[in-house]
């Protein structure tokens, strides 16, 4: 991986970590599960990007590299569905 690619992967990983901390801060204030699930999803993304950049994986097309992304997007979908589900007592 060349220097520019490494820098971009590092930047993407850092920004995902910043997003995770951003949502974690809102979760601590509100205790809304939506923010917690988003925080976990972005933390998974940050960790995955860090590992892929650090390990310098030559071929990311293997299916097991997409499993963490599948989990991440699944958490986001669950968070949105739970947030938009009608509540009893409304």
C-alpha atoms as a PDB file:
ATOM      1  CA  UNK A   1       0.000   0.000   0.000  1.00  0.00           C
ATOM      2  CA  UNK A   2       1.491   3.343  -0.914  1.00  0.00           C
ATOM      3  CA  UNK A   3       1.764   6.290   1.456  1.00  0.00           C
ATOM      4  CA  UNK A   4      -1.301   8.120   0.122  1.00  0.00           C
ATOM      5  CA  UNK A   5      -3.527   5.053   0.468  1.00  0.00           C
ATOM      6  CA  UNK A   6      -2.272   4.460   3.994  1.00  0.00           C
ATOM      7  CA  UNK A   7      -2.981   8.058   4.894  1.00  0.00           C
ATOM      8  CA  UNK A   8      -6.510   7.892   3.484  1.00  0.00           C
ATOM      9  CA  UNK A   9      -7.266   4.636   5.303  1.00  0.00           C
ATOM     10  CA  UNK A  10      -5.960   6.187   8.524  1.00  0.00           C
ATOM     11  CA  UNK A  11      -8.088   9.287   8.008  1.00  0.00           C
ATOM     12  CA  UNK A  12     -11.209   7.208   7.358  1.00  0.00           C
ATOM     13  CA  UNK A  13     -10.514   5.124  10.455  1.00  0.00           C
ATOM     14  CA  UNK A  14     -10.018   8.233  12.577  1.00  0.00           C
ATOM     15  CA  UNK A  15     -13.201   9.857  11.297  1.00  0.00           C
ATOM     16  CA  UNK A  16     -15.179   6.702  12.047  1.00  0.00           C
ATOM     17  CA  UNK A  17     -13.786   6.741  15.577  1.00  0.00           C
ATOM     18  CA  UNK A  18     -14.767  10.421  15.940  1.00  0.00           C
ATOM     19  CA  UNK A  19     -18.297   9.574  14.783  1.00  0.00           C
ATOM     20  CA  UNK A  20     -18.449   6.703  17.304  1.00  0.00           C
ATOM     21  CA  UNK A  21     -17.407   9.029  20.129  1.00  0.00           C
ATOM     22  CA  UNK A  22     -19.895  11.654  18.943  1.00  0.00           C
ATOM     23  CA  UNK A  23     -22.798   9.194  19.121  1.00  0.00           C
ATOM     24  CA  UNK A  24     -21.521   7.800  22.425  1.00  0.00           C
ATOM     25  CA  UNK A  25     -21.659  11.292  23.921  1.00  0.00           C
ATOM     26  CA  UNK A  26     -25.303  11.663  22.887  1.00  0.00           C
ATOM     27  CA  UNK A  27     -26.101   8.210  24.244  1.00  0.00           C
ATOM     28  CA  UNK A  28     -24.621   9.150  27.624  1.00  0.00           C
ATOM     29  CA  UNK A  29     -26.902  12.198  27.730  1.00  0.00           C
ATOM     30  CA  UNK A  30     -30.122  10.582  26.523  1.00  0.00           C
ATOM     31  CA  UNK A  31     -29.669   6.817  27.084  1.00  0.00           C
ATOM     32  CA  UNK A  32     -31.394   6.334  23.729  1.00  0.00           C
ATOM     33  CA  UNK A  33     -30.475   2.982  22.184  1.00  0.00           C
ATOM     34  CA  UNK A  34     -30.375   4.589  18.745  1.00  0.00           C
ATOM     35  CA  UNK A  35     -27.205   6.492  19.618  1.00  0.00           C
ATOM     36  CA  UNK A  36     -25.620   3.471  21.291  1.00  0.00           C
ATOM     37  CA  UNK A  37     -26.154   1.272  18.233  1.00  0.00           C
ATOM     38  CA  UNK A  38     -24.746   3.957  15.954  1.00  0.00           C
ATOM     39  CA  UNK A  39     -21.741   4.352  18.244  1.00  0.00           C
ATOM     40  CA  UNK A  40     -21.056   0.614  18.193  1.00  0.00           C
ATOM     41  CA  UNK A  41     -21.462   0.510  14.412  1.00  0.00           C
ATOM     42  CA  UNK A  42     -18.963   3.299  13.831  1.00  0.00           C
ATOM     43  CA  UNK A  43     -16.542   1.786  16.353  1.00  0.00           C
ATOM     44  CA  UNK A  44     -16.648  -1.480  14.395  1.00  0.00           C
ATOM     45  CA  UNK A  45     -15.998   0.480  11.205  1.00  0.00           C
ATOM     46  CA  UNK A  46     -13.045   2.321  12.771  1.00  0.00           C
ATOM     47  CA  UNK A  47     -11.524  -0.899  14.070  1.00  0.00           C
ATOM     48  CA  UNK A  48     -12.001  -2.686  10.746  1.00  0.00           C
ATOM     49  CA  UNK A  49     -10.432   0.134   8.761  1.00  0.00           C
ATOM     50  CA  UNK A  50      -7.521   0.354  11.206  1.00  0.00           C
ATOM     51  CA  UNK A  51      -6.822  -3.370  10.968  1.00  0.00           C
ATOM     52  CA  UNK A  52      -7.075  -3.398   7.167  1.00  0.00           C
ATOM     53  CA  UNK A  53      -4.713  -0.429   6.933  1.00  0.00           C
ATOM     54  CA  UNK A  54      -2.277  -1.772   9.487  1.00  0.00           C
ATOM     55  CA  UNK A  55      -2.171  -5.302   8.084  1.00  0.00           C
ATOM     56  CA  UNK A  56      -1.828  -4.000   4.505  1.00  0.00           C
ATOM     57  CA  UNK A  57      -4.177  -6.620   3.122  1.00  0.00           C
ATOM     58  CA  UNK A  58      -3.456  -7.098  -0.587  1.00  0.00           C
ATOM     59  CA  UNK A  59      -6.912  -8.401  -1.507  1.00  0.00           C
ATOM     60  CA  UNK A  60      -9.978  -7.043   0.287  1.00  0.00           C
ATOM     61  CA  UNK A  61     -12.348  -8.960  -1.967  1.00  0.00           C
ATOM     62  CA  UNK A  62     -12.438 -11.949   0.397  1.00  0.00           C
ATOM     63  CA  UNK A  63     -15.868 -12.393   2.009  1.00  0.00           C
ATOM     64  CA  UNK A  64     -14.617 -12.348   5.617  1.00  0.00           C
ATOM     65  CA  UNK A  65     -13.434  -8.753   5.217  1.00  0.00           C
ATOM     66  CA  UNK A  66     -17.043  -7.748   4.626  1.00  0.00           C
ATOM     67  CA  UNK A  67     -18.468  -9.489   7.699  1.00  0.00           C
ATOM     68  CA  UNK A  68     -17.719  -6.561  10.068  1.00  0.00           C
ATOM     69  CA  UNK A  69     -19.265  -4.169   7.544  1.00  0.00           C
ATOM     70  CA  UNK A  70     -22.331  -6.389   7.339  1.00  0.00           C
ATOM     71  CA  UNK A  71     -22.633  -6.281  11.135  1.00  0.00           C
ATOM     72  CA  UNK A  72     -22.116  -2.506  11.102  1.00  0.00           C
ATOM     73  CA  UNK A  73     -24.831  -1.841   8.541  1.00  0.00           C
ATOM     74  CA  UNK A  74     -27.104  -4.344  10.278  1.00  0.00           C
ATOM     75  CA  UNK A  75     -26.765  -2.377  13.522  1.00  0.00           C
ATOM     76  CA  UNK A  76     -27.628   0.842  11.703  1.00  0.00           C
ATOM     77  CA  UNK A  77     -30.706  -0.753  10.148  1.00  0.00           C
ATOM     78  CA  UNK A  78     -31.827  -2.123  13.529  1.00  0.00           C
ATOM     79  CA  UNK A  79     -31.340   1.308  15.122  1.00  0.00           C
ATOM     80  CA  UNK A  80     -33.436   3.054  12.476  1.00  0.00           C
ATOM     81  CA  UNK A  81     -36.198   0.439  12.627  1.00  0.00           C
ATOM     82  CA  UNK A  82     -36.355   0.592  16.433  1.00  0.00           C
ATOM     83  CA  UNK A  83     -36.442   4.390  16.401  1.00  0.00           C
ATOM     84  CA  UNK A  84     -39.327   4.475  13.911  1.00  0.00           C
ATOM     85  CA  UNK A  85     -41.343   1.674  15.472  1.00  0.00           C
ATOM     86  CA  UNK A  86     -44.604   2.870  17.025  1.00  0.00           C
ATOM     87  CA  UNK A  87     -44.509   2.884  20.812  1.00  0.00           C
ATOM     88  CA  UNK A  88     -47.282   1.576  23.020  1.00  0.00           C
ATOM     89  CA  UNK A  89     -48.860   4.450  24.923  1.00  0.00           C
ATOM     90  CA  UNK A  90     -48.461   7.130  22.273  1.00  0.00           C
END
